[in-house]
Protein backbone atom coordinates (compact mmCIF):
# COMPACT_ATOMS: atom_id res chain seq x y z
CA UNK A 1 9.60 10.04 4.63
CA UNK A 2 7.49 6.98 3.85
CA UNK A 3 5.08 7.01 0.93
CA UNK A 4 2.34 4.38 1.10
CA UNK A 5 0.96 3.53 -2.34
CA UNK A 6 -2.59 2.18 -2.73
CA UNK A 7 -3.41 0.65 -6.13
CA UNK A 8 -6.72 1.09 -7.90
CA UNK A 9 -9.45 -1.52 -7.60
CA UNK A 10 -8.46 -4.69 -9.42
CA UNK A 11 -4.82 -3.61 -9.72
CA UNK A 12 -1.75 -4.70 -7.85
CA UNK A 13 1.28 -2.98 -6.36
CA UNK A 14 3.37 -3.64 -9.45
CA UNK A 15 1.77 -0.50 -10.91
CA UNK A 16 4.08 1.48 -8.60
CA UNK A 17 7.39 -0.10 -9.70
CA UNK A 18 8.35 2.89 -11.88
CA UNK A 19 7.71 5.31 -9.02
CA UNK A 20 9.74 3.16 -6.68
CA UNK A 21 12.63 3.04 -9.14
CA UNK A 22 12.45 6.80 -9.76
CA UNK A 23 12.28 7.85 -6.09
CA UNK A 24 14.61 5.19 -4.72
CA UNK A 25 16.78 6.74 -2.04
CA UNK A 26 14.75 9.94 -1.87
CA UNK A 27 11.70 8.43 -0.19
CA UNK A 28 10.76 5.02 1.15
CA UNK A 29 8.05 3.63 -1.14
CA UNK A 30 5.74 1.11 0.55
CA UNK A 31 3.05 -0.34 -1.72
CA UNK A 32 0.03 -1.87 0.06
CA UNK A 33 -1.10 -5.05 -1.70
CA UNK A 34 -4.76 -5.94 -1.18
CA UNK A 35 -5.84 -9.49 -0.31
CA UNK A 36 -6.70 -11.48 -3.44
CA UNK A 37 -4.32 -9.41 -5.62
CA UNK A 38 -0.69 -9.78 -6.72
CA UNK A 39 1.49 -11.68 -4.25
CA UNK A 40 -1.58 -12.05 -1.95
CA UNK A 41 -3.63 -13.79 -4.67
CA UNK A 42 -4.21 -16.88 -2.51
CA UNK A 43 -6.05 -14.82 0.12
CA UNK A 44 -9.80 -14.17 -0.11
CA UNK A 45 -10.93 -10.90 -1.69
CA UNK A 46 -12.18 -8.13 0.58
CA UNK A 47 -15.96 -7.74 0.49
CA UNK A 48 -16.42 -4.40 2.25
CA UNK A 49 -14.86 -0.95 2.32
CA UNK A 50 -14.50 -1.18 6.10
CA UNK A 51 -12.38 -4.34 5.81
CA UNK A 52 -10.29 -2.79 3.04
CA UNK A 53 -9.64 0.30 5.19
CA UNK A 54 -8.65 -1.93 8.11
CA UNK A 55 -6.19 -3.79 5.84
CA UNK A 56 -4.64 -0.51 4.69
CA UNK A 57 -4.41 0.91 8.22
CA UNK A 58 -2.80 -2.30 9.49
CA UNK A 59 -0.25 -2.21 6.66
CA UNK A 60 0.63 1.40 7.41
CA UNK A 61 0.84 1.00 11.20
CA UNK A 62 3.01 -2.10 10.81
CA UNK A 63 5.48 -0.27 8.57
CA UNK A 64 5.79 2.85 10.73
CA UNK A 65 8.62 3.03 13.24
CA UNK A 66 6.33 4.97 15.59
CA UNK A 67 2.80 6.33 15.35
CA UNK A 68 4.02 9.96 15.41
CA UNK A 69 6.11 9.43 12.28
CA UNK A 70 4.92 11.56 9.34
CA UNK A 71 3.98 9.75 6.13
CA UNK A 72 2.22 10.34 2.82
CA UNK A 73 -0.42 8.41 0.90
CA UNK A 74 -0.67 7.99 -2.85
CA UNK A 75 -3.83 6.42 -4.16
CA UNK A 76 -4.95 5.72 -7.71
CA UNK A 77 -8.41 5.19 -9.12
């Protein structure tokens, strides 16, 4: 099972390192880094919720082996 982790506004995926270390081998942890944050700091920030949703959807679809594959989301705010 893949678990996609969405950080809170202004945060970066590093906030999920402990979860990744704890669940390693039990679940595939895939943090979604937003443009303008963390390792994507050189990219422009997102200026609309629609664009942010598109970024998240693209990240999820890219990481899935097929679109029928079950997955879970973990968000933080």
